[in-house]
Amino acid sequence: MAAKCLSPLASFGLALALQEAWVNSALYNVDAGHRAVIFDRFRGVQDIVVGEGTHFLIPWVQKPIIFDCRSRPRNVPVITGSKGKACLWVRSSREGGRGAVGSRRS
């Protein structure tokens, strides 16, 4: 008698677990500062750019390709001459922050 009651319960649990796995594979996250495009196996890369958040896709047909599009500061060193024998070097940043200025005698 216990085996007859356990069998429908086990099949329901298995069906629920499979459904949970399918829903979990249909979700993906795009983190802050990232963007995603969707690759579809039948239509190729889609034109729509997906922003931050949790999104749905069709499992085994679509795949998200996530790009990092945050801006990073880059230092650009510039060495310039001056009157006399001193060389000035200027370090500039793309972010618009304050650069550093120094001098070196040759």
PDB file of N, CA and C in Angstrom:
ATOM      1  N   MET A   1       0.810  -1.188   0.000  1.00  0.00           N
ATOM      2  CA  MET A   1       0.000   0.000   0.000  1.00  0.00           C
ATOM      3  C   MET A   1       0.861   1.262   0.000  1.00  0.00           C
ATOM      4  N   ALA A   2       1.946   1.248   0.752  1.00  0.00           N
ATOM      5  CA  ALA A   2       2.835   2.416   0.794  1.00  0.00           C
ATOM      6  C   ALA A   2       3.495   2.625  -0.549  1.00  0.00           C
ATOM      7  N   ALA A   3       3.784   1.552  -1.284  1.00  0.00           N
ATOM      8  CA  ALA A   3       4.424   1.668  -2.596  1.00  0.00           C
ATOM      9  C   ALA A   3       3.494   2.324  -3.611  1.00  0.00           C
ATOM     10  N   LYS A   4       2.184   2.053  -3.491  1.00  0.00           N
ATOM     11  CA  LYS A   4       1.225   2.652  -4.427  1.00  0.00           C
ATOM     12  C   LYS A   4       1.085   4.160  -4.175  1.00  0.00           C
ATOM     13  N   CYS A   5       1.169   4.597  -2.939  1.00  0.00           N
ATOM     14  CA  CYS A   5       1.067   6.031  -2.620  1.00  0.00           C
ATOM     15  C   CYS A   5       2.357   6.767  -2.971  1.00  0.00           C
ATOM     16  N   LEU A   6       3.491   6.084  -2.851  1.00  0.00           N
ATOM     17  CA  LEU A   6       4.780   6.723  -3.108  1.00  0.00           C
ATOM     18  C   LEU A   6       5.019   6.921  -4.601  1.00  0.00           C
ATOM     19  N   SER A   7       4.513   6.036  -5.406  1.00  0.00           N
ATOM     20  CA  SER A   7       4.749   6.117  -6.845  1.00  0.00           C
ATOM     21  C   SER A   7       4.174   7.399  -7.467  1.00  0.00           C
ATOM     22  N   PRO A   8       2.898   7.777  -7.211  1.00  0.00           N
ATOM     23  CA  PRO A   8       2.413   9.047  -7.774  1.00  0.00           C
ATOM     24  C   PRO A   8       3.139  10.258  -7.199  1.00  0.00           C
ATOM     25  N   LEU A   9       3.497  10.184  -5.923  1.00  0.00           N
ATOM     26  CA  LEU A   9       4.219  11.276  -5.303  1.00  0.00           C
ATOM     27  C   LEU A   9       5.615  11.413  -5.905  1.00  0.00           C
ATOM     28  N   ALA A  10       6.290  10.305  -6.167  1.00  0.00           N
ATOM     29  CA  ALA A  10       7.624  10.330  -6.774  1.00  0.00           C
ATOM     30  C   ALA A  10       7.554  10.858  -8.204  1.00  0.00           C
ATOM     31  N   SER A  11       6.559  10.462  -8.957  1.00  0.00           N
ATOM     32  CA  SER A  11       6.445  10.953 -10.337  1.00  0.00           C
ATOM     33  C   SER A  11       6.125  12.444 -10.358  1.00  0.00           C
ATOM     34  N   PHE A  12       5.304  12.908  -9.409  1.00  0.00           N
ATOM     35  CA  PHE A  12       5.018  14.336  -9.319  1.00  0.00           C
ATOM     36  C   PHE A  12       6.285  15.111  -8.946  1.00  0.00           C
ATOM     37  N   GLY A  13       7.064  14.581  -8.020  1.00  0.00           N
ATOM     38  CA  GLY A  13       8.320  15.230  -7.625  1.00  0.00           C
ATOM     39  C   GLY A  13       9.314  15.285  -8.768  1.00  0.00           C
ATOM     40  N   LEU A  14       9.405  14.225  -9.537  1.00  0.00           N
ATOM     41  CA  LEU A  14      10.305  14.205 -10.692  1.00  0.00           C
ATOM     42  C   LEU A  14       9.855  15.211 -11.749  1.00  0.00           C
ATOM     43  N   ALA A  15       8.558  15.272 -12.009  1.00  0.00           N
ATOM     44  CA  ALA A  15       8.035  16.238 -12.981  1.00  0.00           C
ATOM     45  C   ALA A  15       8.295  17.668 -12.509  1.00  0.00           C
ATOM     46  N   LEU A  16       8.137  17.921 -11.227  1.00  0.00           N
ATOM     47  CA  LEU A  16       8.383  19.243 -10.670  1.00  0.00           C
ATOM     48  C   LEU A  16       9.866  19.620 -10.771  1.00  0.00           C
ATOM     49  N   ALA A  17      10.745  18.657 -10.515  1.00  0.00           N
ATOM     50  CA  ALA A  17      12.190  18.915 -10.613  1.00  0.00           C
ATOM     51  C   ALA A  17      12.597  19.204 -12.048  1.00  0.00           C
ATOM     52  N   LEU A  18      12.041  18.479 -13.014  1.00  0.00           N
ATOM     53  CA  LEU A  18      12.359  18.725 -14.427  1.00  0.00           C
ATOM     54  C   LEU A  18      11.854  20.097 -14.875  1.00  0.00           C
ATOM     55  N   GLN A  19      10.665  20.464 -14.419  1.00  0.00           N
ATOM     56  CA  GLN A  19      10.130  21.775 -14.762  1.00  0.00           C
ATOM     57  C   GLN A  19      10.989  22.874 -14.153  1.00  0.00           C
ATOM     58  N   GLU A  20      11.439  22.695 -12.929  1.00  0.00           N
ATOM     59  CA  GLU A  20      12.322  23.657 -12.269  1.00  0.00           C
ATOM     60  C   GLU A  20      13.630  23.812 -13.038  1.00  0.00           C
ATOM     61  N   ALA A  21      14.200  22.715 -13.499  1.00  0.00           N
ATOM     62  CA  ALA A  21      15.450  22.773 -14.256  1.00  0.00           C
ATOM     63  C   ALA A  21      15.250  23.500 -15.583  1.00  0.00           C
ATOM     64  N   TRP A  22      14.115  23.296 -16.238  1.00  0.00           N
ATOM     65  CA  TRP A  22      13.862  23.958 -17.515  1.00  0.00           C
ATOM     66  C   TRP A  22      13.683  25.466 -17.317  1.00  0.00           C
ATOM     67  N   VAL A  23      12.962  25.870 -16.278  1.00  0.00           N
ATOM     68  CA  VAL A  23      12.760  27.302 -16.004  1.00  0.00           C
ATOM     69  C   VAL A  23      14.088  27.948 -15.630  1.00  0.00           C
ATOM     70  N   ASN A  24      14.904  27.235 -14.856  1.00  0.00           N
ATOM     71  CA  ASN A  24      16.197  27.778 -14.458  1.00  0.00           C
ATOM     72  C   ASN A  24      17.118  27.968 -15.663  1.00  0.00           C
ATOM     73  N   SER A  25      17.038  27.089 -16.644  1.00  0.00           N
ATOM     74  CA  SER A  25      17.881  27.241 -17.830  1.00  0.00           C
ATOM     75  C   SER A  25      17.353  28.310 -18.780  1.00  0.00           C
ATOM     76  N   ALA A  26      16.132  28.788 -18.556  1.00  0.00           N
ATOM     77  CA  ALA A  26      15.554  29.827 -19.411  1.00  0.00           C
ATOM     78  C   ALA A  26      15.825  31.230 -18.885  1.00  0.00           C
ATOM     79  N   LEU A  27      16.471  31.366 -17.736  1.00  0.00           N
ATOM     80  CA  LEU A  27      16.762  32.671 -17.152  1.00  0.00           C
ATOM     81  C   LEU A  27      18.252  32.978 -17.256  1.00  0.00           C
ATOM     82  N   TYR A  28      18.572  34.255 -17.474  1.00  0.00           N
ATOM     83  CA  TYR A  28      19.963  34.692 -17.420  1.00  0.00           C
ATOM     84  C   TYR A  28      20.010  36.112 -16.878  1.00  0.00           C
ATOM     85  N   ASN A  29      21.142  36.457 -16.250  1.00  0.00           N
ATOM     86  CA  ASN A  29      21.332  37.776 -15.646  1.00  0.00           C
ATOM     87  C   ASN A  29      22.353  38.579 -16.436  1.00  0.00           C
ATOM     88  N   VAL A  30      22.066  39.860 -16.600  1.00  0.00           N
ATOM     89  CA  VAL A  30      23.019  40.807 -17.166  1.00  0.00           C
ATOM     90  C   VAL A  30      23.385  41.762 -16.035  1.00  0.00           C
ATOM     91  N   ASP A  31      24.645  41.762 -15.634  1.00  0.00           N
ATOM     92  CA  ASP A  31      25.100  42.570 -14.508  1.00  0.00           C
ATOM     93  C   ASP A  31      25.182  44.047 -14.883  1.00  0.00           C
ATOM     94  N   ALA A  32      25.357  44.877 -13.865  1.00  0.00           N
ATOM     95  CA  ALA A  32      25.489  46.318 -14.075  1.00  0.00           C
ATOM     96  C   ALA A  32      26.751  46.614 -14.874  1.00  0.00           C
ATOM     97  N   GLY A  33      26.646  47.501 -15.840  1.00  0.00           N
ATOM     98  CA  GLY A  33      27.784  47.845 -16.683  1.00  0.00           C
ATOM     99  C   GLY A  33      28.005  46.876 -17.826  1.00  0.00           C
ATOM    100  N   HIS A  34      27.111  45.937 -18.018  1.00  0.00           N
ATOM    101  CA  HIS A  34      27.222  44.960 -19.094  1.00  0.00           C
ATOM    102  C   HIS A  34      26.002  45.077 -20.000  1.00  0.00           C
ATOM    103  N   ARG A  35      26.136  44.606 -21.213  1.00  0.00           N
ATOM    104  CA  ARG A  35      25.036  44.506 -22.167  1.00  0.00           C
ATOM    105  C   ARG A  35      25.112  43.122 -22.789  1.00  0.00           C
ATOM    106  N   ALA A  36      24.002  42.679 -23.358  1.00  0.00           N
ATOM    107  CA  ALA A  36      23.964  41.345 -23.966  1.00  0.00           C
ATOM    108  C   ALA A  36      23.246  41.401 -25.303  1.00  0.00           C
ATOM    109  N   VAL A  37      23.650  40.536 -26.207  1.00  0.00           N
ATOM    110  CA  VAL A  37      22.916  40.274 -27.441  1.00  0.00           C
ATOM    111  C   VAL A  37      22.575  38.789 -27.436  1.00  0.00           C
ATOM    112  N   ILE A  38      21.537  38.435 -28.143  1.00  0.00           N
ATOM    113  CA  ILE A  38      21.072  37.055 -28.158  1.00  0.00           C
ATOM    114  C   ILE A  38      21.482  36.399 -29.471  1.00  0.00           C
ATOM    115  N   PHE A  39      22.134  35.237 -29.358  1.00  0.00           N
ATOM    116  CA  PHE A  39      22.437  34.432 -30.536  1.00  0.00           C
ATOM    117  C   PHE A  39      21.364  33.361 -30.645  1.00  0.00           C
ATOM    118  N   ASP A  40      20.686  33.333 -31.776  1.00  0.00           N
ATOM    119  CA  ASP A  40      19.641  32.342 -32.054  1.00  0.00           C
ATOM    120  C   ASP A  40      20.204  31.333 -33.041  1.00  0.00           C
ATOM    121  N   ARG A  41      20.039  30.051 -32.767  1.00  0.00           N
ATOM    122  CA  ARG A  41      20.597  29.004 -33.644  1.00  0.00           C
ATOM    123  C   ARG A  41      19.989  29.024 -35.047  1.00  0.00           C
ATOM    124  N   PHE A  42      18.776  29.554 -35.184  1.00  0.00           N
ATOM    125  CA  PHE A  42      18.103  29.557 -36.481  1.00  0.00           C
ATOM    126  C   PHE A  42      18.239  30.886 -37.217  1.00  0.00           C
ATOM    127  N   ARG A  43      18.270  32.015 -36.480  1.00  0.00           N
ATOM    128  CA  ARG A  43      18.292  33.332 -37.112  1.00  0.00           C
ATOM    129  C   ARG A  43      19.584  34.091 -36.918  1.00  0.00           C
ATOM    130  N   GLY A  44      20.551  33.558 -36.174  1.00  0.00           N
ATOM    131  CA  GLY A  44      21.822  34.241 -35.958  1.00  0.00           C
ATOM    132  C   GLY A  44      21.733  35.260 -34.833  1.00  0.00           C
ATOM    133  N   VAL A  45      22.630  36.229 -34.853  1.00  0.00           N
ATOM    134  CA  VAL A  45      22.673  37.253 -33.803  1.00  0.00           C
ATOM    135  C   VAL A  45      21.532  38.239 -34.009  1.00  0.00           C
ATOM    136  N   GLN A  46      20.771  38.486 -32.943  1.00  0.00           N
ATOM    137  CA  GLN A  46      19.639  39.405 -33.008  1.00  0.00           C
ATOM    138  C   GLN A  46      20.131  40.849 -32.949  1.00  0.00           C
ATOM    139  N   ASP A  47      19.345  41.772 -33.460  1.00  0.00           N
ATOM    140  CA  ASP A  47      19.704  43.187 -33.463  1.00  0.00           C
ATOM    141  C   ASP A  47      19.427  43.884 -32.138  1.00  0.00           C
ATOM    142  N   ILE A  48      18.682  43.264 -31.259  1.00  0.00           N
ATOM    143  CA  ILE A  48      18.277  43.893 -30.004  1.00  0.00           C
ATOM    144  C   ILE A  48      19.392  43.751 -28.966  1.00  0.00           C
ATOM    145  N   VAL A  49      19.743  44.870 -28.324  1.00  0.00           N
ATOM    146  CA  VAL A  49      20.724  44.870 -27.240  1.00  0.00           C
ATOM    147  C   VAL A  49      19.949  44.846 -25.927  1.00  0.00           C
ATOM    148  N   VAL A  50      20.298  43.902 -25.063  1.00  0.00           N
ATOM    149  CA  VAL A  50      19.586  43.702 -23.802  1.00  0.00           C
ATOM    150  C   VAL A  50      20.364  44.381 -22.684  1.00  0.00           C
ATOM    151  N   GLY A  51      19.671  45.147 -21.860  1.00  0.00           N
ATOM    152  CA  GLY A  51      20.303  45.867 -20.753  1.00  0.00           C
ATOM    153  C   GLY A  51      20.395  45.028 -19.489  1.00  0.00           C
ATOM    154  N   GLU A  52      20.633  45.709 -18.365  1.00  0.00           N
ATOM    155  CA  GLU A  52      20.816  45.048 -17.081  1.00  0.00           C
ATOM    156  C   GLU A  52      19.540  44.380 -16.617  1.00  0.00           C
ATOM    157  N   GLY A  53      19.687  43.312 -15.824  1.00  0.00           N
ATOM    158  CA  GLY A  53      18.532  42.666 -15.211  1.00  0.00           C
ATOM    159  C   GLY A  53      18.468  41.184 -15.521  1.00  0.00           C
ATOM    160  N   THR A  54      17.367  40.569 -15.124  1.00  0.00           N
ATOM    161  CA  THR A  54      17.110  39.157 -15.371  1.00  0.00           C
ATOM    162  C   THR A  54      16.183  39.039 -16.569  1.00  0.00           C
ATOM    163  N   HIS A  55      16.538  38.171 -17.504  1.00  0.00           N
ATOM    164  CA  HIS A  55      15.791  38.045 -18.754  1.00  0.00           C
ATOM    165  C   HIS A  55      15.525  36.580 -19.073  1.00  0.00           C
ATOM    166  N   PHE A  56      14.560  36.352 -19.973  1.00  0.00           N
ATOM    167  CA  PHE A  56      14.203  35.011 -20.416  1.00  0.00           C
ATOM    168  C   PHE A  56      14.780  34.746 -21.795  1.00  0.00           C
ATOM    169  N   LEU A  57      15.034  33.464 -22.089  1.00  0.00           N
ATOM    170  CA  LEU A  57      15.398  33.031 -23.427  1.00  0.00           C
ATOM    171  C   LEU A  57      14.854  31.631 -23.645  1.00  0.00           C
ATOM    172  N   ILE A  58      14.901  31.169 -24.875  1.00  0.00           N
ATOM    173  CA  ILE A  58      14.450  29.817 -25.191  1.00  0.00           C
ATOM    174  C   ILE A  58      15.646  28.888 -25.028  1.00  0.00           C
ATOM    175  N   PRO A  59      15.583  27.954 -24.067  1.00  0.00           N
ATOM    176  CA  PRO A  59      16.743  27.073 -23.825  1.00  0.00           C
ATOM    177  C   PRO A  59      17.073  26.221 -25.061  1.00  0.00           C
ATOM    178  N   TRP A  60      18.353  26.004 -25.273  1.00  0.00           N
ATOM    179  CA  TRP A  60      18.918  25.198 -26.358  1.00  0.00           C
ATOM    180  C   TRP A  60      18.717  25.817 -27.742  1.00  0.00           C
ATOM    181  N   VAL A  61      18.009  26.934 -27.841  1.00  0.00           N
ATOM    182  CA  VAL A  61      17.838  27.622 -29.121  1.00  0.00           C
ATOM    183  C   VAL A  61      18.559  28.964 -29.085  1.00  0.00           C
ATOM    184  N   GLN A  62      18.445  29.682 -27.978  1.00  0.00           N
ATOM    185  CA  GLN A  62      19.061  30.993 -27.842  1.00  0.00           C
ATOM    186  C   GLN A  62      20.165  30.942 -26.796  1.00  0.00           C
ATOM    187  N   LYS A  63      21.176  31.796 -27.000  1.00  0.00           N
ATOM    188  CA  LYS A  63      22.294  31.878 -26.069  1.00  0.00           C
ATOM    189  C   LYS A  63      22.667  33.343 -25.898  1.00  0.00           C
ATOM    190  N   PRO A  64      22.775  33.836 -24.649  1.00  0.00           N
ATOM    191  CA  PRO A  64      23.168  35.239 -24.460  1.00  0.00           C
ATOM    192  C   PRO A  64      24.677  35.405 -24.599  1.00  0.00           C
ATOM    193  N   ILE A  65      25.096  36.460 -25.283  1.00  0.00           N
ATOM    194  CA  ILE A  65      26.503  36.836 -25.377  1.00  0.00           C
ATOM    195  C   ILE A  65      26.625  38.161 -24.631  1.00  0.00           C
ATOM    196  N   ILE A  66      27.348  38.145 -23.511  1.00  0.00           N
ATOM    197  CA  ILE A  66      27.396  39.287 -22.602  1.00  0.00           C
ATOM    198  C   ILE A  66      28.712  40.032 -22.795  1.00  0.00           C
ATOM    199  N   PHE A  67      28.612  41.373 -22.953  1.00  0.00           N
ATOM    200  CA  PHE A  67      29.763  42.233 -23.153  1.00  0.00           C
ATOM    201  C   PHE A  67      29.910  43.188 -21.974  1.00  0.00           C
ATOM    202  N   ASP A  68      31.162  43.490 -21.625  1.00  0.00           N
ATOM    203  CA  ASP A  68      31.459  44.481 -20.599  1.00  0.00           C
ATOM    204  C   ASP A  68      31.622  45.829 -21.294  1.00  0.00           C
ATOM    205  N   CYS A  69      30.781  46.799 -20.978  1.00  0.00           N
ATOM    206  CA  CYS A  69      30.850  48.096 -21.652  1.00  0.00           C
ATOM    207  C   CYS A  69      31.091  49.229 -20.658  1.00  0.00           C
ATOM    208  N   ARG A  70      31.731  48.923 -19.536  1.00  0.00           N
ATOM    209  CA  ARG A  70      32.094  49.965 -18.576  1.00  0.00           C
ATOM    210  C   ARG A  70      33.306  50.721 -19.094  1.00  0.00           C
ATOM    211  N   SER A  71      33.371  52.007 -18.798  1.00  0.00           N
ATOM    212  CA  SER A  71      34.539  52.785 -19.208  1.00  0.00           C
ATOM    213  C   SER A  71      35.622  52.642 -18.152  1.00  0.00           C
ATOM    214  N   ARG A  72      36.843  52.498 -18.597  1.00  0.00           N
ATOM    215  CA  ARG A  72      37.981  52.348 -17.703  1.00  0.00           C
ATOM    216  C   ARG A  72      38.927  53.514 -17.921  1.00  0.00           C
ATOM    217  N   PRO A  73      39.482  54.068 -16.860  1.00  0.00           N
ATOM    218  CA  PRO A  73      40.444  55.158 -17.044  1.00  0.00           C
ATOM    219  C   PRO A  73      41.739  54.639 -17.654  1.00  0.00           C
ATOM    220  N   ARG A  74      42.291  55.401 -18.568  1.00  0.00           N
ATOM    221  CA  ARG A  74      43.562  55.049 -19.194  1.00  0.00           C
ATOM    222  C   ARG A  74      44.511  56.220 -19.022  1.00  0.00           C
ATOM    223  N   ASN A  75      45.707  55.924 -18.598  1.00  0.00           N
ATOM    224  CA  ASN A  75      46.723  56.960 -18.453  1.00  0.00           C
ATOM    225  C   ASN A  75      47.531  57.044 -19.740  1.00  0.00           C
ATOM    226  N   VAL A  76      47.685  58.252 -20.246  1.00  0.00           N
ATOM    227  CA  VAL A  76      48.441  58.488 -21.467  1.00  0.00           C
ATOM    228  C   VAL A  76      49.641  59.352 -21.103  1.00  0.00           C
ATOM    229  N   PRO A  77      50.841  58.775 -21.016  1.00  0.00           N
ATOM    230  CA  PRO A  77      52.000  59.596 -20.664  1.00  0.00           C
ATOM    231  C   PRO A  77      52.493  60.406 -21.871  1.00  0.00           C
ATOM    232  N   VAL A  78      52.784  61.674 -21.638  1.00  0.00           N
ATOM    233  CA  VAL A  78      53.278  62.568 -22.684  1.00  0.00           C
ATOM    234  C   VAL A  78      54.538  63.234 -22.162  1.00  0.00           C
ATOM    235  N   ILE A  79      55.620  63.142 -22.915  1.00  0.00           N
ATOM    236  CA  ILE A  79      56.868  63.811 -22.537  1.00  0.00           C
ATOM    237  C   ILE A  79      57.070  64.976 -23.492  1.00  0.00           C
ATOM    238  N   THR A  80      57.303  66.142 -22.941  1.00  0.00           N
ATOM    239  CA  THR A  80      57.482  67.331 -23.769  1.00  0.00           C
ATOM    240  C   THR A  80      58.716  68.096 -23.293  1.00  0.00           C
ATOM    241  N   GLY A  81      59.309  68.806 -24.185  1.00  0.00           N
ATOM    242  CA  GLY A  81      60.493  69.593 -23.844  1.00  0.00           C
ATOM    243  C   GLY A  81      60.121  70.989 -23.395  1.00  0.00           C
ATOM    244  N   SER A  82      61.055  71.658 -22.761  1.00  0.00           N
ATOM    245  CA  SER A  82      60.843  73.036 -22.331  1.00  0.00           C
ATOM    246  C   SER A  82      62.133  73.816 -22.612  1.00  0.00           C
ATOM    247  N   LYS A  83      62.120  75.104 -22.302  1.00  0.00           N
ATOM    248  CA  LYS A  83      63.333  75.902 -22.474  1.00  0.00           C
ATOM    249  C   LYS A  83      64.402  75.374 -21.519  1.00  0.00           C
ATOM    250  N   GLY A  84      65.571  75.367 -21.939  1.00  0.00           N
ATOM    251  CA  GLY A  84      66.639  74.827 -21.113  1.00  0.00           C
ATOM    252  C   GLY A  84      66.785  73.328 -21.388  1.00  0.00           C
ATOM    253  N   LYS A  85      67.282  72.605 -20.413  1.00  0.00           N
ATOM    254  CA  LYS A  85      67.507  71.182 -20.610  1.00  0.00           C
ATOM    255  C   LYS A  85      66.548  70.326 -19.774  1.00  0.00           C
ATOM    256  N   ALA A  86      65.425  70.886 -19.395  1.00  0.00           N
ATOM    257  CA  ALA A  86      64.472  70.135 -18.576  1.00  0.00           C
ATOM    258  C   ALA A  86      63.418  69.475 -19.473  1.00  0.00           C
ATOM    259  N   CYS A  87      63.033  68.276 -19.134  1.00  0.00           N
ATOM    260  CA  CYS A  87      61.935  67.588 -19.817  1.00  0.00           C
ATOM    261  C   CYS A  87      60.747  67.538 -18.872  1.00  0.00           C
ATOM    262  N   LEU A  88      59.602  67.913 -19.359  1.00  0.00           N
ATOM    263  CA  LEU A  88      58.380  67.829 -18.574  1.00  0.00           C
ATOM    264  C   LEU A  88      57.623  66.592 -19.006  1.00  0.00           C
ATOM    265  N   TRP A  89      57.069  65.893 -18.049  1.00  0.00           N
ATOM    266  CA  TRP A  89      56.181  64.796 -18.395  1.00  0.00           C
ATOM    267  C   TRP A  89      54.808  65.076 -17.814  1.00  0.00           C
ATOM    268  N   VAL A  90      53.797  64.772 -18.617  1.00  0.00           N
ATOM    269  CA  VAL A  90      52.415  65.020 -18.232  1.00  0.00           C
ATOM    270  C   VAL A  90      51.672  63.705 -18.361  1.00  0.00           C
ATOM    271  N   ARG A  91      50.971  63.317 -17.323  1.00  0.00           N
ATOM    272  CA  ARG A  91      50.157  62.103 -17.386  1.00  0.00           C
ATOM    273  C   ARG A  91      48.699  62.541 -17.395  1.00  0.00           C
ATOM    274  N   SER A  92      47.987  62.184 -18.426  1.00  0.00           N
ATOM    275  CA  SER A  92      46.601  62.597 -18.584  1.00  0.00           C
ATOM    276  C   SER A  92      45.700  61.381 -18.475  1.00  0.00           C
ATOM    277  N   SER A  93      44.485  61.611 -18.046  1.00  0.00           N
ATOM    278  CA  SER A  93      43.514  60.533 -17.909  1.00  0.00           C
ATOM    279  C   SER A  93      42.336  60.815 -18.823  1.00  0.00           C
ATOM    280  N   ARG A  94      41.754  59.752 -19.405  1.00  0.00           N
ATOM    281  CA  ARG A  94      40.599  59.911 -20.281  1.00  0.00           C
ATOM    282  C   ARG A  94      39.350  60.299 -19.517  1.00  0.00           C
ATOM    283  N   GLU A  95      39.311  60.039 -18.244  1.00  0.00           N
ATOM    284  CA  GLU A  95      38.119  60.290 -17.454  1.00  0.00           C
ATOM    285  C   GLU A  95      37.942  61.765 -17.111  1.00  0.00           C
ATOM    286  N   GLY A  96      38.889  62.601 -17.463  1.00  0.00           N
ATOM    287  CA  GLY A  96      38.770  64.020 -17.188  1.00  0.00           C
ATOM    288  C   GLY A  96      39.224  64.402 -15.807  1.00  0.00           C
ATOM    289  N   GLY A  97      39.880  63.473 -15.127  1.00  0.00           N
ATOM    290  CA  GLY A  97      40.404  63.778 -13.798  1.00  0.00           C
ATOM    291  C   GLY A  97      41.669  64.606 -13.891  1.00  0.00           C
ATOM    292  N   ARG A  98      42.255  64.926 -12.761  1.00  0.00           N
ATOM    293  CA  ARG A  98      43.469  65.732 -12.755  1.00  0.00           C
ATOM    294  C   ARG A  98      44.632  64.870 -13.160  1.00  0.00           C
ATOM    295  N   GLY A  99      45.461  65.371 -14.014  1.00  0.00           N
ATOM    296  CA  GLY A  99      46.677  64.675 -14.428  1.00  0.00           C
ATOM    297  C   GLY A  99      47.840  65.071 -13.523  1.00  0.00           C
ATOM    298  N   ALA A 100      48.936  64.430 -13.698  1.00  0.00           N
ATOM    299  CA  ALA A 100      50.127  64.730 -12.903  1.00  0.00           C
ATOM    300  C   ALA A 100      51.152  65.401 -13.804  1.00  0.00           C
ATOM    301  N   VAL A 101      51.897  66.363 -13.249  1.00  0.00           N
ATOM    302  CA  VAL A 101      52.927  67.060 -13.987  1.00  0.00           C
ATOM    303  C   VAL A 101      54.208  66.962 -13.165  1.00  0.00           C
ATOM    304  N   GLY A 102      55.306  66.662 -13.824  1.00  0.00           N
ATOM    305  CA  GLY A 102      56.584  66.579 -13.137  1.00  0.00           C
ATOM    306  C   GLY A 102      57.681  67.049 -14.067  1.00  0.00           C
ATOM    307  N   SER A 103      58.906  67.136 -13.572  1.00  0.00           N
ATOM    308  CA  SER A 103      60.026  67.558 -14.424  1.00  0.00           C
ATOM    309  C   SER A 103      61.233  66.676 -14.127  1.00  0.00           C
ATOM    310  N   ARG A 104      62.099  66.607 -15.130  1.00  0.00           N
ATOM    311  CA  ARG A 104      63.323  65.822 -14.996  1.00  0.00           C
ATOM    312  C   ARG A 104      64.420  66.546 -15.746  1.00  0.00           C
ATOM    313  N   ARG A 105      65.551  66.754 -15.118  1.00  0.00           N
ATOM    314  CA  ARG A 105      66.692  67.393 -15.778  1.00  0.00           C
ATOM    315  C   ARG A 105      67.443  66.359 -16.592  1.00  0.00           C
ATOM    316  N   SER A 106      67.866  66.747 -17.809  1.00  0.00           N
ATOM    317  CA  SER A 106      68.647  65.845 -18.670  1.00  0.00           C
ATOM    318  C   SER A 106      70.129  66.027 -18.412  1.00  0.00           C
TER     319      SER A 106
END
